[in-house]
Protein backbone atom coordinates (compact mmCIF):
# COMPACT_ATOMS: atom_id res chain seq x y z
CA MET A 1 17.60 -69.16 -31.35
CA GLU A 2 18.87 -72.64 -32.08
CA HIS A 3 20.23 -73.55 -35.48
CA ALA A 4 18.10 -76.00 -37.38
CA SER A 5 20.07 -79.10 -38.14
CA PRO A 6 20.06 -80.12 -41.79
CA SER A 7 18.08 -83.15 -42.80
CA PRO A 8 19.93 -86.41 -43.54
CA GLY A 9 19.04 -86.04 -47.23
CA THR A 10 20.53 -82.56 -47.37
CA SER A 11 23.72 -83.74 -45.63
CA LYS A 12 24.11 -86.65 -48.04
CA LEU A 13 23.52 -84.38 -51.01
CA SER A 14 26.15 -81.93 -49.72
CA LEU A 15 28.68 -84.71 -49.18
CA CYS A 16 28.06 -86.03 -52.69
CA PHE A 17 28.64 -82.56 -54.12
CA TYR A 18 31.85 -82.08 -52.10
CA THR A 19 33.11 -85.50 -53.19
CA PHE A 20 32.35 -84.94 -56.86
CA SER A 21 33.91 -81.45 -56.91
CA ALA A 22 37.01 -82.58 -55.04
CA PHE A 23 37.47 -85.65 -57.26
CA VAL A 24 37.16 -83.68 -60.50
CA LEU A 25 39.44 -80.82 -59.43
CA GLY A 26 41.96 -83.02 -57.65
CA LEU A 27 42.52 -85.37 -60.59
CA GLY A 28 42.12 -82.51 -63.07
CA SER A 29 45.08 -80.75 -61.47
CA VAL A 30 47.41 -83.62 -62.47
CA TRP A 31 45.74 -84.51 -65.77
CA ALA A 32 46.65 -86.49 -67.68
CA PRO A 33 48.04 -88.88 -65.04
CA VAL A 34 50.68 -91.15 -66.51
CA THR A 35 52.10 -92.68 -63.36
CA GLY A 36 50.80 -94.06 -60.11
CA MET A 37 52.45 -91.14 -58.29
CA ASP A 38 50.39 -88.67 -60.32
CA ILE A 39 47.18 -90.44 -59.32
CA VAL A 40 48.19 -90.48 -55.65
CA GLN A 41 49.01 -86.79 -55.79
CA GLY A 42 45.66 -86.05 -57.43
CA LEU A 43 43.79 -88.02 -54.78
CA LEU A 44 45.61 -86.16 -52.01
CA ARG A 45 44.64 -82.85 -53.58
CA ALA A 46 41.06 -84.08 -53.89
CA ALA A 47 41.07 -84.99 -50.20
CA PHE A 48 42.29 -81.48 -49.33
CA ILE A 49 39.51 -79.86 -51.37
CA PHE A 50 36.89 -82.15 -49.80
CA ILE A 51 38.07 -81.30 -46.27
CA MET A 52 38.12 -77.59 -47.14
CA LEU A 53 34.54 -77.63 -48.42
CA TRP A 54 33.25 -79.72 -45.52
CA PHE A 55 35.03 -77.56 -42.92
CA PHE A 56 33.88 -74.16 -44.24
CA LEU A 57 30.40 -75.10 -45.46
CA ASN A 58 29.31 -77.68 -42.87
CA TRP A 59 31.42 -77.83 -39.71
CA LEU A 60 32.31 -74.17 -39.07
CA PRO A 61 28.87 -72.57 -39.78
CA ARG A 62 27.29 -74.74 -37.08
CA ARG A 63 29.66 -73.44 -34.42
CA THR A 64 30.19 -69.72 -34.98
CA THR A 65 28.92 -66.56 -36.68
CA LEU A 66 29.68 -65.39 -40.21
CA PRO A 67 32.23 -62.65 -39.30
CA ILE A 68 34.25 -65.14 -37.24
CA GLN A 69 33.99 -67.70 -40.06
CA VAL A 70 35.46 -65.18 -42.51
CA PHE A 71 38.23 -64.20 -40.09
CA VAL A 72 39.18 -67.86 -39.61
CA ALA A 73 39.06 -68.37 -43.38
CA MET A 74 41.46 -65.46 -43.94
CA ILE A 75 44.00 -66.76 -41.42
CA LEU A 76 43.83 -70.30 -42.78
CA GLY A 77 43.97 -68.95 -46.33
CA VAL A 78 47.29 -67.22 -45.63
CA LEU A 79 48.73 -70.39 -44.10
CA ALA A 80 47.38 -72.62 -46.88
CA GLY A 81 48.66 -70.32 -49.61
CA TRP A 82 52.15 -70.35 -48.14
CA LEU A 83 52.30 -74.09 -47.33
CA LEU A 84 50.69 -75.36 -50.53
CA THR A 85 52.96 -73.21 -52.67
CA LYS A 86 55.94 -74.81 -50.94
CA LEU A 87 54.58 -78.36 -51.09
CA VAL A 88 52.67 -78.69 -54.37
CA GLY A 89 53.45 -75.51 -56.27
CA ARG A 90 51.74 -72.25 -57.16
CA ALA A 91 49.72 -73.70 -60.07
CA PHE A 92 47.38 -75.78 -57.89
CA VAL A 93 46.54 -72.84 -55.62
CA ILE A 94 45.96 -70.34 -58.43
CA GLU A 95 44.26 -72.59 -60.95
CA TYR A 96 42.15 -74.87 -58.74
CA LEU A 97 41.66 -73.35 -55.29
CA GLY A 98 41.18 -70.03 -57.06
CA ILE A 99 38.02 -71.43 -58.67
CA PHE A 100 36.12 -71.06 -55.39
CA GLY A 101 37.17 -67.42 -55.02
CA LYS A 102 36.13 -66.71 -58.61
CA LEU A 103 32.79 -68.46 -58.08
CA PHE A 104 32.09 -66.44 -54.92
CA ILE A 105 32.80 -63.10 -56.63
CA LEU A 106 30.66 -63.96 -59.67
CA LEU A 107 27.71 -65.04 -57.53
CA LEU A 108 28.07 -61.96 -55.34
CA THR A 109 27.77 -59.64 -58.34
CA PHE A 110 24.97 -61.68 -59.92
CA VAL A 111 22.03 -59.54 -58.74
CA ILE A 112 23.74 -56.35 -57.55
CA LEU A 113 22.45 -54.02 -60.30
CA PRO A 114 18.84 -55.29 -60.15
CA LEU A 115 18.98 -54.98 -56.35
CA ILE A 116 20.17 -51.37 -56.59
CA PHE A 117 17.45 -50.63 -59.17
CA VAL A 118 14.51 -51.93 -57.13
CA SER A 119 15.83 -50.49 -53.83
CA VAL A 120 16.25 -46.98 -55.25
CA LEU A 121 12.89 -47.21 -57.02
CA ASN A 122 11.09 -48.27 -53.83
CA GLY A 123 12.81 -45.56 -51.81
CA THR A 124 12.00 -42.89 -54.40
CA ALA A 125 8.36 -43.93 -54.67
CA GLY A 126 8.11 -44.12 -50.88
CA ILE A 127 9.19 -40.49 -50.48
CA GLY A 128 6.35 -39.62 -52.84
CA ASP A 129 6.30 -35.82 -53.02
CA PRO A 130 8.61 -34.73 -55.90
CA LYS A 131 9.46 -31.47 -54.07
CA ARG A 132 10.51 -33.40 -50.99
CA LEU A 133 12.44 -35.87 -53.16
CA GLY A 134 14.33 -32.99 -54.71
CA THR A 135 15.24 -31.63 -51.27
CA VAL A 136 16.38 -35.03 -49.97
CA GLY A 137 18.30 -35.74 -53.19
CA PHE A 138 20.11 -32.38 -53.08
CA LYS A 139 21.06 -32.82 -49.41
CA SER A 140 22.24 -36.38 -50.09
CA LEU A 141 24.48 -35.39 -53.01
CA LEU A 142 25.89 -32.40 -51.09
CA TYR A 143 26.77 -34.68 -48.17
CA TYR A 144 28.32 -37.30 -50.49
CA PHE A 145 30.57 -34.82 -52.30
CA CYS A 146 31.70 -33.11 -49.09
CA THR A 147 32.66 -36.28 -47.24
CA THR A 148 34.34 -37.82 -50.32
CA GLY A 149 36.34 -34.63 -50.88
CA LEU A 150 37.47 -34.65 -47.25
CA ALA A 151 38.57 -38.27 -47.58
CA VAL A 152 40.69 -37.51 -50.65
CA LEU A 153 42.30 -34.46 -49.01
CA LEU A 154 43.13 -36.57 -45.96
CA GLY A 155 44.71 -39.20 -48.20
CA LEU A 156 46.81 -36.59 -50.03
CA PHE A 157 48.01 -35.13 -46.74
CA LEU A 158 49.03 -38.47 -45.25
CA VAL A 159 50.79 -39.86 -48.32
CA ASN A 160 52.81 -36.65 -48.69
CA MET A 161 53.73 -36.68 -45.00
CA VAL A 162 54.61 -40.37 -44.63
CA ARG A 163 55.91 -40.91 -48.21
CA PRO A 164 55.57 -44.73 -48.03
CA GLY A 165 56.85 -45.35 -51.56
CA GLU A 166 60.33 -43.87 -51.16
CA GLY A 167 63.16 -46.41 -51.25
CA ARG A 168 60.97 -49.15 -52.78
CA LYS A 169 62.03 -49.00 -56.42
CA SER A 170 63.08 -52.65 -56.26
CA LEU A 171 59.40 -53.57 -56.48
CA ARG A 172 59.39 -52.57 -60.14
CA LYS A 173 60.93 -55.90 -61.20
CA GLU A 174 58.27 -57.80 -59.30
CA VAL A 175 55.59 -55.71 -61.01
CA GLU A 176 56.84 -56.72 -64.44
CA ALA A 177 57.12 -60.40 -63.45
CA GLN A 178 53.60 -60.37 -61.99
CA ALA A 179 52.19 -58.78 -65.15
CA THR A 180 53.78 -61.54 -67.22
CA ARG A 181 52.30 -64.23 -64.99
CA GLU A 182 48.86 -62.63 -65.26
CA ARG A 183 48.98 -62.66 -69.06
CA GLN A 184 50.03 -66.29 -69.06
CA ALA A 185 47.40 -67.27 -66.50
CA THR A 186 44.51 -65.67 -68.35
CA GLY A 187 45.66 -66.95 -71.71
CA ALA A 188 45.20 -63.48 -73.18
CA GLU A 189 48.33 -63.42 -75.31
CA ASP A 190 46.93 -65.32 -78.26
CA GLU A 191 44.33 -67.89 -79.24
CA ASP A 192 46.84 -70.72 -79.36
CA ASN A 193 47.71 -70.10 -75.73
CA SER A 194 44.04 -70.32 -74.72
CA ASP A 195 43.96 -73.89 -76.07
CA LYS A 196 46.71 -74.80 -73.61
CA LEU A 197 44.84 -73.60 -70.53
CA SER A 198 44.43 -76.06 -67.68
CA LEU A 199 41.03 -77.29 -66.52
CA GLY A 200 41.09 -74.87 -63.59
CA LEU A 201 41.82 -71.80 -65.71
CA ARG A 202 39.23 -72.84 -68.29
CA LEU A 203 36.63 -73.01 -65.53
CA GLN A 204 37.67 -69.62 -64.11
CA ASN A 205 38.06 -67.67 -67.34
CA GLN A 206 35.58 -69.29 -69.70
CA VAL A 207 32.97 -71.55 -68.11
CA LEU A 208 31.98 -69.75 -64.90
CA PRO A 209 31.70 -66.21 -66.41
CA ALA A 210 29.60 -67.61 -69.25
CA VAL A 211 27.20 -69.45 -66.92
CA ILE A 212 26.96 -66.99 -64.01
CA HIS A 213 26.06 -63.90 -65.98
CA ASN A 214 22.94 -61.90 -65.19
CA PRO A 215 21.24 -60.82 -68.45
CA ILE A 216 19.27 -58.11 -66.60
CA MET A 217 21.09 -54.78 -66.88
CA ALA A 218 24.31 -56.62 -67.70
CA ASP A 219 27.37 -54.39 -68.08
CA GLN A 220 25.35 -51.23 -67.40
CA ASN A 221 26.82 -48.22 -65.63
CA PRO A 222 25.36 -48.14 -62.08
CA LEU A 223 24.72 -44.40 -62.39
CA VAL A 224 22.49 -45.00 -65.43
CA VAL A 225 20.56 -47.66 -63.51
CA ILE A 226 20.11 -45.32 -60.52
CA PHE A 227 18.92 -42.46 -62.73
CA PHE A 228 16.35 -44.69 -64.44
CA ALA A 229 15.18 -46.05 -61.05
CA ILE A 230 14.66 -42.52 -59.69
CA LEU A 231 12.64 -41.46 -62.76
CA LEU A 232 10.48 -44.58 -62.72
CA GLY A 233 9.96 -44.29 -58.95
CA CYS A 234 8.81 -40.68 -59.34
CA ALA A 235 6.44 -41.71 -62.13
CA LEU A 236 4.91 -44.55 -60.11
CA ALA A 237 4.51 -42.25 -57.10
CA ALA A 238 2.78 -39.66 -59.30
CA LEU A 239 0.28 -42.29 -60.49
CA GLY A 240 -1.06 -42.74 -56.97
CA LYS A 241 -3.33 -45.78 -56.61
CA ASP A 242 -2.70 -46.81 -60.23
CA GLY A 243 0.99 -47.30 -59.45
CA LEU A 244 0.46 -49.49 -56.39
CA PRO A 245 0.33 -52.87 -58.24
CA ALA A 246 3.68 -52.21 -59.89
CA LEU A 247 5.18 -51.05 -56.59
CA GLU A 248 4.08 -54.26 -54.89
CA VAL A 249 5.89 -56.24 -57.60
CA PHE A 250 9.08 -54.23 -57.10
CA LYS A 251 8.87 -54.68 -53.33
CA SER A 252 8.61 -58.44 -53.80
CA LEU A 253 11.57 -58.37 -56.20
CA ASP A 254 13.56 -56.42 -53.62
CA LYS A 255 12.97 -59.15 -51.03
CA ALA A 256 13.81 -61.87 -53.57
CA PHE A 257 17.14 -60.27 -54.56
CA ILE A 258 18.07 -59.81 -50.90
CA THR A 259 17.32 -63.49 -50.30
CA ILE A 260 19.66 -64.47 -53.14
CA ILE A 261 22.43 -62.31 -51.66
CA LEU A 262 21.97 -63.96 -48.27
CA TRP A 263 22.21 -67.39 -49.91
CA VAL A 264 25.46 -66.41 -51.62
CA MET A 265 26.92 -65.14 -48.35
CA ARG A 266 26.89 -68.69 -47.02
CA LEU A 267 29.81 -69.30 -49.40
CA ALA A 268 31.80 -66.35 -48.00
CA PRO A 269 34.18 -68.40 -45.79
CA VAL A 270 35.32 -70.77 -48.55
CA GLY A 271 35.43 -67.86 -51.01
CA PHE A 272 37.71 -65.76 -48.83
CA PHE A 273 39.86 -68.76 -47.97
CA ALA A 274 40.49 -69.32 -51.69
CA LEU A 275 41.07 -65.62 -52.41
CA MET A 276 43.60 -65.23 -49.60
CA ALA A 277 45.41 -68.44 -50.51
CA ARG A 278 45.75 -67.30 -54.11
CA THR A 279 47.03 -63.85 -53.10
CA ILE A 280 49.74 -65.31 -50.87
CA SER A 281 50.69 -67.89 -53.49
CA GLU A 282 51.05 -65.26 -56.22
CA LEU A 283 52.87 -62.55 -54.29
CA GLY A 284 54.37 -64.27 -51.24
CA ILE A 285 54.46 -63.26 -47.60
CA ALA A 286 57.80 -61.45 -48.02
CA TYR A 287 56.26 -59.28 -50.73
CA MET A 288 53.39 -58.32 -48.47
CA VAL A 289 55.79 -57.39 -45.68
CA THR A 290 57.48 -54.87 -48.00
CA LEU A 291 54.13 -53.09 -48.35
CA ALA A 292 53.69 -52.63 -44.60
CA LYS A 293 54.36 -48.88 -44.68
CA TYR A 294 51.89 -48.35 -47.51
CA PHE A 295 49.35 -50.55 -45.76
CA GLY A 296 49.77 -48.57 -42.55
CA THR A 297 49.30 -45.25 -44.35
CA VAL A 298 46.01 -46.34 -45.92
CA MET A 299 44.79 -47.83 -42.64
CA LEU A 300 45.68 -44.62 -40.76
CA GLY A 301 43.72 -42.56 -43.29
CA LEU A 302 40.71 -44.86 -43.16
CA GLY A 303 40.78 -44.89 -39.35
CA LEU A 304 40.94 -41.10 -39.12
CA HIS A 305 38.11 -40.65 -41.59
CA PHE A 306 36.00 -43.24 -39.76
CA CYS A 307 36.50 -41.30 -36.51
CA LEU A 308 35.62 -38.05 -38.30
CA LEU A 309 32.33 -39.54 -39.53
CA THR A 310 31.25 -41.20 -36.27
CA CYS A 311 32.67 -38.81 -33.66
CA VAL A 312 32.24 -35.43 -35.39
CA VAL A 313 29.74 -35.50 -38.26
CA CYS A 314 27.24 -37.92 -36.68
CA PRO A 315 26.80 -36.11 -33.32
CA LEU A 316 27.12 -32.53 -34.64
CA LEU A 317 25.00 -32.78 -37.80
CA GLY A 318 22.94 -35.89 -37.03
CA GLY A 319 22.30 -35.51 -33.31
CA VAL A 320 23.20 -39.15 -32.60
CA SER A 321 26.01 -40.05 -30.20
CA PRO A 322 28.91 -42.16 -31.53
CA ARG A 323 28.17 -44.93 -29.01
CA ARG A 324 24.53 -45.20 -30.00
CA PHE A 325 25.37 -45.12 -33.71
CA LEU A 326 28.07 -47.79 -33.48
CA ARG A 327 25.92 -50.10 -31.33
CA ALA A 328 23.06 -49.85 -33.82
CA MET A 329 25.20 -50.29 -36.92
CA ALA A 330 27.55 -52.99 -35.54
CA PRO A 331 26.02 -55.87 -37.58
CA ALA A 332 26.30 -53.89 -40.81
CA ILE A 333 29.90 -52.91 -40.05
CA GLN A 334 30.79 -56.54 -39.30
CA LEU A 335 29.18 -57.71 -42.53
CA ALA A 336 30.93 -54.97 -44.51
CA PHE A 337 34.28 -56.18 -43.19
CA SER A 338 33.37 -59.80 -43.95
CA THR A 339 32.15 -59.28 -47.52
CA SER A 340 34.23 -56.32 -48.75
CA SER A 341 31.03 -55.30 -50.54
CA SER A 342 28.83 -52.32 -49.68
CA SER A 343 26.21 -53.71 -52.07
CA ALA A 344 26.14 -57.09 -50.35
CA THR A 345 25.90 -55.26 -47.01
CA LEU A 346 22.96 -53.19 -48.27
CA PRO A 347 20.19 -55.39 -46.79
CA MET A 348 21.84 -55.34 -43.37
CA SER A 349 22.52 -51.60 -43.61
CA LEU A 350 18.84 -50.96 -44.33
CA THR A 351 17.78 -53.11 -41.38
CA CYS A 352 20.23 -51.49 -38.95
CA ALA A 353 19.43 -47.93 -40.07
CA THR A 354 15.65 -48.30 -39.91
CA LYS A 355 15.07 -50.82 -37.10
CA ARG A 356 18.06 -50.59 -34.76
CA LEU A 357 18.90 -46.89 -35.23
CA GLY A 358 15.41 -45.58 -36.05
CA ALA A 359 15.99 -43.58 -39.24
CA ASP A 360 13.09 -42.86 -41.59
CA PRO A 361 12.57 -45.94 -43.84
CA ASN A 362 11.84 -43.95 -47.00
CA ILE A 363 14.98 -41.83 -46.70
CA SER A 364 17.03 -44.94 -45.86
CA ASN A 365 15.64 -46.84 -48.85
CA PHE A 366 16.52 -43.90 -51.09
CA MET A 367 19.94 -42.92 -49.72
CA LEU A 368 21.57 -46.25 -48.88
CA PRO A 369 21.24 -47.88 -52.34
CA VAL A 370 22.42 -44.65 -53.97
CA GLY A 371 25.24 -44.34 -51.45
CA ALA A 372 26.35 -47.92 -52.13
CA THR A 373 27.41 -46.69 -55.59
CA VAL A 374 27.90 -42.92 -55.28
CA ASN A 375 29.32 -42.40 -51.78
CA MET A 376 32.68 -44.19 -51.58
CA ASP A 377 34.77 -42.27 -49.04
CA GLY A 378 37.09 -45.17 -48.26
CA THR A 379 37.57 -46.03 -51.93
CA ALA A 380 38.41 -42.42 -52.85
CA LEU A 381 40.98 -42.20 -50.04
CA TYR A 382 42.46 -45.55 -51.06
CA LEU A 383 42.75 -44.55 -54.74
CA THR A 384 44.55 -41.36 -53.75
CA VAL A 385 47.11 -42.99 -51.45
CA ALA A 386 47.71 -45.90 -53.82
CA SER A 387 48.28 -43.63 -56.84
CA LEU A 388 50.80 -41.39 -55.07
CA PHE A 389 52.50 -44.42 -53.52
CA ILE A 390 53.02 -45.93 -56.98
CA ALA A 391 54.39 -42.59 -58.21
CA GLN A 392 56.86 -42.56 -55.31
CA VAL A 393 57.94 -46.13 -56.09
CA TYR A 394 58.66 -45.08 -59.68
CA GLY A 395 60.47 -41.95 -58.51
CA ILE A 396 57.91 -39.58 -60.06
CA SER A 397 57.52 -36.23 -58.33
CA LEU A 398 54.00 -34.86 -58.79
CA SER A 399 53.38 -31.11 -58.94
CA PHE A 400 50.47 -29.38 -57.20
CA GLN A 401 48.48 -29.36 -60.45
CA GLU A 402 49.04 -33.08 -60.97
CA GLN A 403 48.02 -33.86 -57.40
CA PHE A 404 44.90 -31.75 -57.91
CA MET A 405 44.09 -33.90 -60.96
CA VAL A 406 44.49 -36.97 -58.73
CA PHE A 407 42.09 -35.34 -56.25
CA LEU A 408 39.48 -34.55 -58.89
CA THR A 409 39.74 -37.89 -60.66
CA ALA A 410 39.59 -39.89 -57.43
CA VAL A 411 36.39 -38.10 -56.36
CA LEU A 412 34.71 -38.63 -59.74
CA ALA A 413 35.96 -42.19 -60.20
CA SER A 414 34.73 -43.24 -56.76
CA ILE A 415 31.22 -42.12 -57.71
CA GLY A 416 30.96 -44.85 -60.34
CA THR A 417 32.56 -47.61 -58.29
CA ALA A 418 30.48 -50.77 -58.00
CA GLY A 419 30.00 -51.82 -54.39
CA ILE A 420 31.69 -55.20 -54.85
CA PRO A 421 35.07 -56.63 -53.76
CA GLY A 422 38.02 -55.36 -55.79
CA ALA A 423 35.99 -52.93 -57.91
CA SER A 424 38.35 -50.00 -57.20
CA ILE A 425 41.29 -51.80 -58.82
CA GLY A 426 39.69 -51.30 -62.22
CA LEU A 427 39.27 -47.56 -61.58
CA MET A 428 42.83 -47.05 -60.41
CA SER A 429 44.09 -46.97 -64.01
CA ILE A 430 41.94 -43.85 -64.60
CA VAL A 431 43.48 -42.07 -61.61
CA LEU A 432 47.00 -43.10 -62.58
CA ALA A 433 46.53 -41.94 -66.17
CA SER A 434 45.32 -38.52 -64.99
CA ALA A 435 48.76 -37.87 -63.46
CA SER A 436 50.84 -39.76 -66.10
CA ILE A 437 51.76 -42.52 -63.64
CA PRO A 438 52.58 -45.94 -65.21
CA VAL A 439 49.39 -48.00 -65.18
CA GLU A 440 51.27 -51.28 -64.75
CA GLY A 441 52.16 -50.03 -61.25
CA ILE A 442 48.77 -51.33 -60.11
CA ALA A 443 50.47 -54.70 -59.57
CA ILE A 444 52.58 -53.09 -56.81
CA VAL A 445 49.60 -52.60 -54.51
CA ILE A 446 47.28 -55.43 -55.52
CA GLY A 447 48.95 -57.84 -53.09
CA VAL A 448 47.38 -56.23 -50.01
CA ASP A 449 44.24 -54.99 -51.72
CA ARG A 450 42.09 -57.73 -50.19
CA LEU A 451 42.92 -56.62 -46.63
CA LEU A 452 42.43 -52.95 -47.42
CA ASP A 453 39.23 -53.68 -49.34
CA MET A 454 37.54 -54.99 -46.21
CA THR A 455 38.55 -51.93 -44.18
CA ARG A 456 37.62 -49.31 -46.76
CA THR A 457 34.22 -51.01 -47.17
CA ILE A 458 33.58 -50.29 -43.48
CA VAL A 459 34.28 -46.60 -44.14
CA ASN A 460 32.05 -46.64 -47.23
CA VAL A 461 29.12 -48.21 -45.39
CA THR A 462 29.61 -45.99 -42.33
CA GLY A 463 29.60 -42.88 -44.51
CA ASP A 464 26.32 -43.97 -46.13
CA CYS A 465 24.62 -44.59 -42.77
CA VAL A 466 25.87 -41.34 -41.21
CA GLY A 467 24.47 -39.55 -44.26
CA VAL A 468 21.03 -41.05 -43.56
CA VAL A 469 21.19 -39.74 -39.99
CA VAL A 470 22.23 -36.25 -41.11
CA VAL A 471 19.51 -35.95 -43.77
CA CYS A 472 16.82 -37.38 -41.48
CA ARG A 473 17.59 -34.77 -38.85
CA SER A 474 17.62 -31.97 -41.44
CA GLU A 475 14.17 -33.11 -42.60
CA GLY A 476 12.85 -32.93 -39.05
CA TYR A 477 12.51 -36.67 -38.32
CA ARG A 478 12.98 -38.04 -34.83
CA ILE A 479 15.53 -40.85 -34.91
CA ALA A 480 14.37 -43.54 -32.51
CA PRO A 481 14.56 -47.36 -32.73
CA SER A 482 11.33 -49.10 -33.76
C-alpha cells in the first residue's frame, strides 16, 4: 500500500512548526545573547534542531518502517550526544534536546491507565460467565507468578555465576557526581535554585508536566484500576442487554485511546534520538563501556528466558510451534523493541494474538491488558541482576536470606510496574532497600537502562502473548488465524 503524501498545507504547517520550535530553543539556549557570536551560535543550534525535526518527522518516515526509524534514531543519537558534548557542551544536549525525549515520554503515558481500564473491562465483559472468568483469571495469575518467579531465579543464578560487579568499585565516584548533577539539573535543592533554571529545564520540569497531564485516573495504582475494571466488566456482563449501551461506549473509547497512542508513536524516532543523545552526554561512551559485563549478563538472562518461553512453554503447554508463534507475533515484538513500552505495544499485541495467531479475542482482551501491568518477566529479571550488581560494586556480600528478599521483592515489585519506558527504575529503590543496598547505586546502572529497557520489553510482551496461548489451549479453544 502506497503512503499518502501530505498536502501542501500540511507540509507548510509542519515546516512553520519546526522553524518556530528550532528558533525558540536555539536562541533560548544562549539567552541572553550579548554578542554577535552568541547569536550566531544560537542560530546554528536552531538550524540543527530544525534539521533534526525535519529528518525524523518528515524525510525518514516516508522511506522506511517505524522499527528501522527508531534504530537509526538510536545510532544517530549516540553519535550526536558524543559530538555535541564535545563541540557545544553538555548543557545544550541535556536541557534543550532533552525536551523532545521528555515530551515523547509524557505523551506516551498520557492515556495508558484509561487504555488499560477500558481494555480489561471489555475483555472481562466479553468473557461473560463469572464462573468462566474466575477460571481464566486463576489460570492467568498462576501462569504470571510461575514465569516471573522463573525469571528472577534465572537472574539470581546468572549474577552469582558471572559476578559482573566485582572490581568496579571505581564507579562509586561517578555515582556521586551524577547524583549531584541530577539535583542541580532538576533544581530540587531549593526554591532559589529553581528560579535560575534555564528555559529548557523549565520546559522539561515545569511546563510540559503541567500541560500534558491526564486528569483521568491520574497517579492511580494500575492494580487498583485493573481491579475496578474487572468488577465493572462483570457487572455490565451480568446486566445482559441493559449493559450493552455502556459496553458500546467503552469499546469506542478503547479504539479512541489506541488511536491516540498510534499518533504519539509517530514521534518515536525524534524521542529516542533525544533520549539516547542525553544519555551519552550525561554518562559518556567510556562509562557505558565499563558496564559491558553487566549489560551482557542481563542480555544473557533475557535471551535465555525468551527461549524458555517460546521454545519450551509455548509448544509444550500452548501447542503452538516456536516458528509459528514468532512469525505471528513479529510486529508486536518489533514494536515492543521500538517503544520500550508494553502498554504502547498493547494494540499491536492484541491484533497479532487474535488475528495473526488466532487466539480467542475475549481471553486476549482480558489477559493482555492485565499482563501489560502484572506480568513483567523481563523487568523482574532485570531488577534482580541490577540489584546484585550494585551490591557487588559496593562490595556487599548478600546472604541467602537477603537474596531471597531480593527474589520476593522483585516478583512483587514487577507486578505493579507500569508498562512504560523506564518505569522499573523507580521500583529498583524498593528492591535495593529490601537487601540494605545503597539506593544511590541506581545511578550506576541507569546509563545503559535505555538499551536494556527495549530488550526486557520484548520478554515482557512475549510472556504475555505466550500466556494467552497457554490459557486458550487449557480452555479448549482451537488456535487458528482468522
